Amino acid sequence: MIIEFDRTIGEGEERNYYLNLTDNSGNRYGNRFPEDRTPLWIITEGRRYKASKRGENQIWGVLRSWYEGENVHAGDTIHIRYDPAAGEIDGRIPIEISIVNRAEPPEGVHEVIGEEEIAEEREVRAEVSIQMERDLEDFLVNNLHLIEKGLELYIDERGRDGRHYPTDVGEIDLLCKRNEDFVVIELKKDAQVTWLLGRFRDTLVGCEKIFLKDMTLGVSSLYMNSTQN
């Protein structure tokens, strides 16, 4: 069954270059679209733009090129059409979007952003932050040699790998080994140095309880901090 609906672009969507899969009556359609992180094409009048499904009810990707290429702004009404039976195009699922109406606000009148939209934008930024951490984690798992030669993801005797490895004090983001040494990698956005030191201390205690009571532990850190939202 083809899914199609109209929605009006919000300020938060234009500002952060994404699309909500909710119609103008508040009905959500995300669960009827492809699953999270599926590569998509946004197609408008035959022009294609790369995108991807994100989370339960949003489309992200390189949507800035779509917004700018199609001159889309907050207040514009679009029609979204998805045919689950349609085949992939160059490895991506097509989503058709047409511009139904372009808003022309009166000169000198500025839209006031309400509490609901502010909350939505905060939710979006939080999702972006989580997604960035996941993407960084994926990259590191596949490129541990870039951190240090010979570094590998730890795999225990039960076959469980070191990604989100459980300990008595919480999960370790990435538990790795270099020869016979354990290496702990923690990914945290905008964490203070004092907090990180405390987290490393707790993690090392957890490692001691799991592996060797008298093991000698050392710490090497890759610290990345950003004040950007």
C-alpha atoms as a PDB file:
ATOM      1  CA  MET A   1       0.000   0.000   0.000  1.00  0.00           C
ATOM      2  CA  ILE A   2       1.332   3.424  -0.981  1.00  0.00           C
ATOM      3  CA  ILE A   3       1.879   5.856   1.906  1.00  0.00           C
ATOM      4  CA  GLU A   4       1.361   9.522   1.105  1.00  0.00           C
ATOM      5  CA  PHE A   5       0.544  12.633   3.097  1.00  0.00           C
ATOM      6  CA  ASP A   6       1.047  16.407   3.274  1.00  0.00           C
ATOM      7  CA  ARG A   7       3.073  18.223   5.877  1.00  0.00           C
ATOM      8  CA  THR A   8       4.180  21.797   6.425  1.00  0.00           C
ATOM      9  CA  ILE A   9       7.892  22.341   6.998  1.00  0.00           C
ATOM     10  CA  GLY A  10       8.718  23.664  10.472  1.00  0.00           C
ATOM     11  CA  GLU A  11      11.416  26.121  11.532  1.00  0.00           C
ATOM     12  CA  GLY A  12      13.363  23.377  13.295  1.00  0.00           C
ATOM     13  CA  GLU A  13      13.367  21.179  10.200  1.00  0.00           C
ATOM     14  CA  GLU A  14      14.697  23.932   7.958  1.00  0.00           C
ATOM     15  CA  ARG A  15      17.260  25.034  10.533  1.00  0.00           C
ATOM     16  CA  ASN A  16      18.648  21.516  11.090  1.00  0.00           C
ATOM     17  CA  TYR A  17      17.986  20.080   7.603  1.00  0.00           C
ATOM     18  CA  TYR A  18      15.758  17.087   8.363  1.00  0.00           C
ATOM     19  CA  LEU A  19      12.139  15.987   7.775  1.00  0.00           C
ATOM     20  CA  ASN A  20       9.543  14.644  10.179  1.00  0.00           C
ATOM     21  CA  LEU A  21       7.302  11.887   8.864  1.00  0.00           C
ATOM     22  CA  THR A  22       4.175  13.381  10.434  1.00  0.00           C
ATOM     23  CA  ASP A  23       1.239  14.870   8.543  1.00  0.00           C
ATOM     24  CA  ASN A  24      -0.483  18.168   9.304  1.00  0.00           C
ATOM     25  CA  SER A  25      -3.045  16.374  11.478  1.00  0.00           C
ATOM     26  CA  GLY A  26      -0.352  14.914  13.721  1.00  0.00           C
ATOM     27  CA  ASN A  27      -0.411  11.361  12.340  1.00  0.00           C
ATOM     28  CA  ARG A  28       2.998   9.675  12.365  1.00  0.00           C
ATOM     29  CA  TYR A  29       4.040   7.454   9.449  1.00  0.00           C
ATOM     30  CA  GLY A  30       7.625   6.567  10.345  1.00  0.00           C
ATOM     31  CA  ASN A  31       6.830   2.968  11.293  1.00  0.00           C
ATOM     32  CA  ARG A  32       5.512   2.400   7.758  1.00  0.00           C
ATOM     33  CA  PHE A  33       8.730   3.654   6.154  1.00  0.00           C
ATOM     34  CA  PRO A  34      12.031   1.720   5.867  1.00  0.00           C
ATOM     35  CA  GLU A  35      13.875   0.976   9.108  1.00  0.00           C
ATOM     36  CA  ASP A  36      16.427   3.193  10.821  1.00  0.00           C
ATOM     37  CA  ARG A  37      19.565   4.031   8.796  1.00  0.00           C
ATOM     38  CA  THR A  38      18.170   2.739   5.495  1.00  0.00           C
ATOM     39  CA  PRO A  39      19.711   4.673   2.538  1.00  0.00           C
ATOM     40  CA  LEU A  40      17.092   6.704   0.655  1.00  0.00           C
ATOM     41  CA  TRP A  41      16.674   8.891  -2.398  1.00  0.00           C
ATOM     42  CA  ILE A  42      14.577  12.036  -2.031  1.00  0.00           C
ATOM     43  CA  ILE A  43      13.178  12.622  -5.520  1.00  0.00           C
ATOM     44  CA  THR A  44      11.623  15.964  -6.508  1.00  0.00           C
ATOM     45  CA  GLU A  45      10.638  16.444 -10.158  1.00  0.00           C
ATOM     46  CA  GLY A  46      13.185  13.821 -11.176  1.00  0.00           C
ATOM     47  CA  ARG A  47      16.055  15.354  -9.189  1.00  0.00           C
ATOM     48  CA  ARG A  48      17.595  12.966  -6.661  1.00  0.00           C
ATOM     49  CA  TYR A  49      19.103  13.783  -3.250  1.00  0.00           C
ATOM     50  CA  LYS A  50      20.793  11.314  -0.897  1.00  0.00           C
ATOM     51  CA  ALA A  51      19.157  10.803   2.493  1.00  0.00           C
ATOM     52  CA  SER A  52      18.543   8.106   5.104  1.00  0.00           C
ATOM     53  CA  LYS A  53      15.894   7.096   7.613  1.00  0.00           C
ATOM     54  CA  ARG A  54      16.820   8.140  11.131  1.00  0.00           C
ATOM     55  CA  GLY A  55      15.168   6.938  14.312  1.00  0.00           C
ATOM     56  CA  GLU A  56      11.461   6.159  14.317  1.00  0.00           C
ATOM     57  CA  ASN A  57      10.005   9.105  12.447  1.00  0.00           C
ATOM     58  CA  GLN A  58      12.587  11.226  10.636  1.00  0.00           C
ATOM     59  CA  ILE A  59      14.611  11.513   7.443  1.00  0.00           C
ATOM     60  CA  TRP A  60      18.156  12.862   7.631  1.00  0.00           C
ATOM     61  CA  GLY A  61      21.192  12.650   5.381  1.00  0.00           C
ATOM     62  CA  VAL A  62      22.441  15.299   2.993  1.00  0.00           C
ATOM     63  CA  LEU A  63      19.109  17.137   3.152  1.00  0.00           C
ATOM     64  CA  ARG A  64      20.733  20.543   3.090  1.00  0.00           C
ATOM     65  CA  SER A  65      21.258  20.001  -0.638  1.00  0.00           C
ATOM     66  CA  TRP A  66      17.532  19.237  -1.021  1.00  0.00           C
ATOM     67  CA  TYR A  67      16.436  22.275   1.000  1.00  0.00           C
ATOM     68  CA  GLU A  68      18.739  24.585  -0.940  1.00  0.00           C
ATOM     69  CA  GLY A  69      18.378  22.889  -4.326  1.00  0.00           C
ATOM     70  CA  GLU A  70      14.575  23.012  -4.200  1.00  0.00           C
ATOM     71  CA  ASN A  71      14.445  26.345  -2.334  1.00  0.00           C
ATOM     72  CA  VAL A  72      12.379  24.853   0.485  1.00  0.00           C
ATOM     73  CA  HIS A  73      11.662  26.947   3.585  1.00  0.00           C
ATOM     74  CA  ALA A  74       9.670  26.774   6.795  1.00  0.00           C
ATOM     75  CA  GLY A  75       5.987  27.209   6.070  1.00  0.00           C
ATOM     76  CA  ASP A  76       6.138  25.444   2.705  1.00  0.00           C
ATOM     77  CA  THR A  77       3.756  22.501   2.330  1.00  0.00           C
ATOM     78  CA  ILE A  78       5.128  19.320   0.776  1.00  0.00           C
ATOM     79  CA  HIS A  79       3.573  16.040  -0.334  1.00  0.00           C
ATOM     80  CA  ILE A  80       5.492  12.892   0.666  1.00  0.00           C
ATOM     81  CA  ARG A  81       4.853   9.647  -1.226  1.00  0.00           C
ATOM     82  CA  TYR A  82       6.423   6.250  -0.504  1.00  0.00           C
ATOM     83  CA  ASP A  83       5.651   3.043  -2.376  1.00  0.00           C
ATOM     84  CA  PRO A  84       6.962  -0.002  -0.421  1.00  0.00           C
ATOM     85  CA  ALA A  85       6.626  -2.107  -3.575  1.00  0.00           C
ATOM     86  CA  ALA A  86       8.981   0.117  -5.566  1.00  0.00           C
ATOM     87  CA  GLY A  87      12.428  -1.302  -6.145  1.00  0.00           C
ATOM     88  CA  GLU A  88      15.728   0.222  -5.102  1.00  0.00           C
ATOM     89  CA  ILE A  89      17.550   2.698  -7.321  1.00  0.00           C
ATOM     90  CA  ASP A  90      21.329   2.315  -7.129  1.00  0.00           C
ATOM     91  CA  GLY A  91      21.035   0.727  -3.693  1.00  0.00           C
ATOM     92  CA  ARG A  92      18.652   3.348  -2.253  1.00  0.00           C
ATOM     93  CA  ILE A  93      14.904   3.345  -1.683  1.00  0.00           C
ATOM     94  CA  PRO A  94      13.082   6.199  -3.452  1.00  0.00           C
ATOM     95  CA  ILE A  95      10.839   8.661  -1.585  1.00  0.00           C
ATOM     96  CA  GLU A  96       8.976  11.152  -3.765  1.00  0.00           C
ATOM     97  CA  ILE A  97       8.478  14.666  -2.410  1.00  0.00           C
ATOM     98  CA  SER A  98       6.670  17.433  -4.273  1.00  0.00           C
ATOM     99  CA  ILE A  99       6.157  21.071  -3.281  1.00  0.00           C
ATOM    100  CA  VAL A 100       2.413  21.682  -2.825  1.00  0.00           C
ATOM    101  CA  ASN A 101       2.473  25.275  -1.644  1.00  0.00           C
ATOM    102  CA  ARG A 102       5.145  27.841  -0.912  1.00  0.00           C
ATOM    103  CA  ALA A 103       4.549  30.126   2.029  1.00  0.00           C
ATOM    104  CA  GLU A 104       4.943  33.873   1.639  1.00  0.00           C
ATOM    105  CA  PRO A 105       4.814  35.463   5.103  1.00  0.00           C
ATOM    106  CA  PRO A 106       3.863  39.157   5.200  1.00  0.00           C
ATOM    107  CA  GLU A 107       6.837  41.498   5.113  1.00  0.00           C
ATOM    108  CA  GLY A 108       8.129  42.365   8.556  1.00  0.00           C
ATOM    109  CA  VAL A 109       6.234  39.528  10.265  1.00  0.00           C
ATOM    110  CA  HIS A 110       8.422  36.973  12.002  1.00  0.00           C
ATOM    111  CA  GLU A 111       7.225  33.609  13.210  1.00  0.00           C
ATOM    112  CA  VAL A 112       7.461  33.102  16.960  1.00  0.00           C
ATOM    113  CA  ILE A 113       8.911  29.734  17.891  1.00  0.00           C
ATOM    114  CA  GLY A 114       6.657  28.038  20.428  1.00  0.00           C
ATOM    115  CA  GLU A 115       7.554  25.774  23.332  1.00  0.00           C
ATOM    116  CA  GLU A 116       6.582  22.646  21.360  1.00  0.00           C
ATOM    117  CA  GLU A 117       8.985  23.474  18.530  1.00  0.00           C
ATOM    118  CA  ILE A 118      11.771  24.355  20.967  1.00  0.00           C
ATOM    119  CA  ALA A 119      11.275  20.964  22.649  1.00  0.00           C
ATOM    120  CA  GLU A 120      11.300  19.271  19.242  1.00  0.00           C
ATOM    121  CA  GLU A 121      14.574  20.958  18.293  1.00  0.00           C
ATOM    122  CA  ARG A 122      16.163  19.886  21.573  1.00  0.00           C
ATOM    123  CA  GLU A 123      15.019  16.321  20.890  1.00  0.00           C
ATOM    124  CA  VAL A 124      16.531  16.485  17.421  1.00  0.00           C
ATOM    125  CA  ARG A 125      19.858  17.765  18.733  1.00  0.00           C
ATOM    126  CA  ALA A 126      19.928  14.992  21.332  1.00  0.00           C
ATOM    127  CA  GLU A 127      19.277  12.416  18.605  1.00  0.00           C
ATOM    128  CA  VAL A 128      22.039  13.898  16.451  1.00  0.00           C
ATOM    129  CA  SER A 129      24.439  13.699  19.403  1.00  0.00           C
ATOM    130  CA  ILE A 130      23.561  10.040  20.016  1.00  0.00           C
ATOM    131  CA  GLN A 131      23.844   9.231  16.328  1.00  0.00           C
ATOM    132  CA  MET A 132      27.255  10.930  16.081  1.00  0.00           C
ATOM    133  CA  GLU A 133      28.507   8.821  18.998  1.00  0.00           C
ATOM    134  CA  ARG A 134      27.195   5.639  17.315  1.00  0.00           C
ATOM    135  CA  ASP A 135      28.802   6.578  14.003  1.00  0.00           C
ATOM    136  CA  LEU A 136      32.118   7.311  15.720  1.00  0.00           C
ATOM    137  CA  GLU A 137      31.896   3.992  17.540  1.00  0.00           C
ATOM    138  CA  ASP A 138      31.261   2.143  14.255  1.00  0.00           C
ATOM    139  CA  PHE A 139      34.242   3.880  12.680  1.00  0.00           C
ATOM    140  CA  LEU A 140      36.575   3.064  15.564  1.00  0.00           C
ATOM    141  CA  VAL A 141      35.546  -0.609  15.679  1.00  0.00           C
ATOM    142  CA  ASN A 142      36.459  -0.934  12.013  1.00  0.00           C
ATOM    143  CA  ASN A 143      39.644   1.140  12.270  1.00  0.00           C
ATOM    144  CA  LEU A 144      41.222   0.355  15.639  1.00  0.00           C
ATOM    145  CA  HIS A 145      44.612   0.182  13.917  1.00  0.00           C
ATOM    146  CA  LEU A 146      44.402   3.953  13.417  1.00  0.00           C
ATOM    147  CA  ILE A 147      44.473   4.423  17.193  1.00  0.00           C
ATOM    148  CA  GLU A 148      47.355   2.053  17.767  1.00  0.00           C
ATOM    149  CA  LYS A 149      48.994  -0.662  15.708  1.00  0.00           C
ATOM    150  CA  GLY A 150      47.971  -4.150  16.812  1.00  0.00           C
ATOM    151  CA  LEU A 151      44.866  -2.974  18.673  1.00  0.00           C
ATOM    152  CA  GLU A 152      41.940  -5.388  18.349  1.00  0.00           C
ATOM    153  CA  LEU A 153      38.420  -5.660  19.760  1.00  0.00           C
ATOM    154  CA  TYR A 154      38.423  -8.046  22.732  1.00  0.00           C
ATOM    155  CA  ILE A 155      36.453 -11.303  22.408  1.00  0.00           C
ATOM    156  CA  ASP A 156      35.919 -13.380  25.582  1.00  0.00           C
ATOM    157  CA  GLU A 157      35.763 -17.166  25.939  1.00  0.00           C
ATOM    158  CA  ARG A 158      31.984 -17.138  25.353  1.00  0.00           C
ATOM    159  CA  GLY A 159      32.415 -15.348  22.039  1.00  0.00           C
ATOM    160  CA  ARG A 160      31.109 -11.994  23.280  1.00  0.00           C
ATOM    161  CA  ASP A 161      32.972  -9.045  21.787  1.00  0.00           C
ATOM    162  CA  GLY A 162      34.145  -5.983  23.648  1.00  0.00           C
ATOM    163  CA  ARG A 163      31.511  -3.568  22.337  1.00  0.00           C
ATOM    164  CA  HIS A 164      29.421  -2.335  25.298  1.00  0.00           C
ATOM    165  CA  TYR A 165      31.101  -4.949  27.461  1.00  0.00           C
ATOM    166  CA  PRO A 166      29.312  -5.386  30.839  1.00  0.00           C
ATOM    167  CA  THR A 167      31.101  -4.953  34.173  1.00  0.00           C
ATOM    168  CA  ASP A 168      29.983  -4.495  37.784  1.00  0.00           C
ATOM    169  CA  VAL A 169      30.253  -0.712  37.359  1.00  0.00           C
ATOM    170  CA  GLY A 170      28.511  -0.417  34.006  1.00  0.00           C
ATOM    171  CA  GLU A 171      29.219  -1.034  30.336  1.00  0.00           C
ATOM    172  CA  ILE A 172      32.573  -0.332  28.690  1.00  0.00           C
ATOM    173  CA  ASP A 173      32.059   1.351  25.333  1.00  0.00           C
ATOM    174  CA  LEU A 174      34.908  -0.544  23.666  1.00  0.00           C
ATOM    175  CA  LEU A 175      37.059  -3.140  25.423  1.00  0.00           C
ATOM    176  CA  CYS A 176      40.102  -3.951  23.301  1.00  0.00           C
ATOM    177  CA  LYS A 177      43.395  -5.810  23.564  1.00  0.00           C
ATOM    178  CA  ARG A 178      46.894  -5.010  22.384  1.00  0.00           C
ATOM    179  CA  ASN A 179      49.002  -8.156  22.706  1.00  0.00           C
ATOM    180  CA  GLU A 180      48.283  -9.145  26.343  1.00  0.00           C
ATOM    181  CA  ASP A 181      47.204  -5.687  27.511  1.00  0.00           C
ATOM    182  CA  PHE A 182      43.592  -4.594  27.902  1.00  0.00           C
ATOM    183  CA  VAL A 183      42.683  -1.228  26.400  1.00  0.00           C
ATOM    184  CA  VAL A 184      39.501   0.614  27.371  1.00  0.00           C
ATOM    185  CA  ILE A 185      37.974   3.187  25.009  1.00  0.00           C
ATOM    186  CA  GLU A 186      35.183   5.421  26.327  1.00  0.00           C
ATOM    187  CA  LEU A 187      33.238   7.717  23.998  1.00  0.00           C
ATOM    188  CA  LYS A 188      31.619  10.659  25.707  1.00  0.00           C
ATOM    189  CA  LYS A 189      30.574  13.983  24.162  1.00  0.00           C
ATOM    190  CA  ASP A 190      31.455  17.188  26.017  1.00  0.00           C
ATOM    191  CA  ALA A 191      32.466  15.362  29.207  1.00  0.00           C
ATOM    192  CA  GLN A 192      34.618  17.220  31.726  1.00  0.00           C
ATOM    193  CA  VAL A 193      38.126  15.891  32.346  1.00  0.00           C
ATOM    194  CA  THR A 194      37.413  15.260  36.050  1.00  0.00           C
ATOM    195  CA  TRP A 195      34.316  13.235  35.146  1.00  0.00           C
ATOM    196  CA  LEU A 196      36.304  11.211  32.610  1.00  0.00           C
ATOM    197  CA  LEU A 197      39.003  10.417  35.175  1.00  0.00           C
ATOM    198  CA  GLY A 198      36.346   9.163  37.583  1.00  0.00           C
ATOM    199  CA  ARG A 199      34.765   7.088  34.834  1.00  0.00           C
ATOM    200  CA  PHE A 200      38.139   5.550  33.917  1.00  0.00           C
ATOM    201  CA  ARG A 201      38.787   4.736  37.594  1.00  0.00           C
ATOM    202  CA  ASP A 202      35.456   2.916  37.911  1.00  0.00           C
ATOM    203  CA  THR A 203      36.014   1.105  34.607  1.00  0.00           C
ATOM    204  CA  LEU A 204      39.447  -0.123  35.646  1.00  0.00           C
ATOM    205  CA  VAL A 205      38.010  -1.402  38.935  1.00  0.00           C
ATOM    206  CA  GLY A 206      35.419  -3.305  36.931  1.00  0.00           C
ATOM    207  CA  CYS A 207      38.133  -4.813  34.731  1.00  0.00           C
ATOM    208  CA  GLU A 208      40.084  -5.944  37.796  1.00  0.00           C
ATOM    209  CA  LYS A 209      37.046  -7.812  39.149  1.00  0.00           C
ATOM    210  CA  ILE A 210      36.447  -9.594  35.842  1.00  0.00           C
ATOM    211  CA  PHE A 211      39.974 -10.489  34.792  1.00  0.00           C
ATOM    212  CA  LEU A 212      42.888 -10.438  37.244  1.00  0.00           C
ATOM    213  CA  LYS A 213      42.758  -9.355  40.866  1.00  0.00           C
ATOM    214  CA  ASP A 214      46.407  -8.321  40.861  1.00  0.00           C
ATOM    215  CA  MET A 215      46.627  -7.029  37.275  1.00  0.00           C
ATOM    216  CA  THR A 216      48.693  -3.915  36.675  1.00  0.00           C
ATOM    217  CA  LEU A 217      46.633  -1.275  34.911  1.00  0.00           C
ATOM    218  CA  GLY A 218      47.687   1.684  32.832  1.00  0.00           C
ATOM    219  CA  VAL A 219      45.635   4.288  31.040  1.00  0.00           C
ATOM    220  CA  SER A 220      46.041   5.781  27.602  1.00  0.00           C
ATOM    221  CA  SER A 221      43.349   8.211  26.491  1.00  0.00           C
ATOM    222  CA  LEU A 222      42.065   9.737  23.295  1.00  0.00           C
ATOM    223  CA  TYR A 223      40.129  12.776  24.499  1.00  0.00           C
ATOM    224  CA  MET A 224      37.820  14.606  22.115  1.00  0.00           C
ATOM    225  CA  ASN A 225      35.634  17.407  23.394  1.00  0.00           C
ATOM    226  CA  SER A 226      33.306  19.788  21.593  1.00  0.00           C
ATOM    227  CA  THR A 227      31.246  22.746  22.713  1.00  0.00           C
ATOM    228  CA  GLN A 228      29.165  22.521  19.530  1.00  0.00           C
ATOM    229  CA  ASN A 229      25.535  21.405  19.889  1.00  0.00           C
END
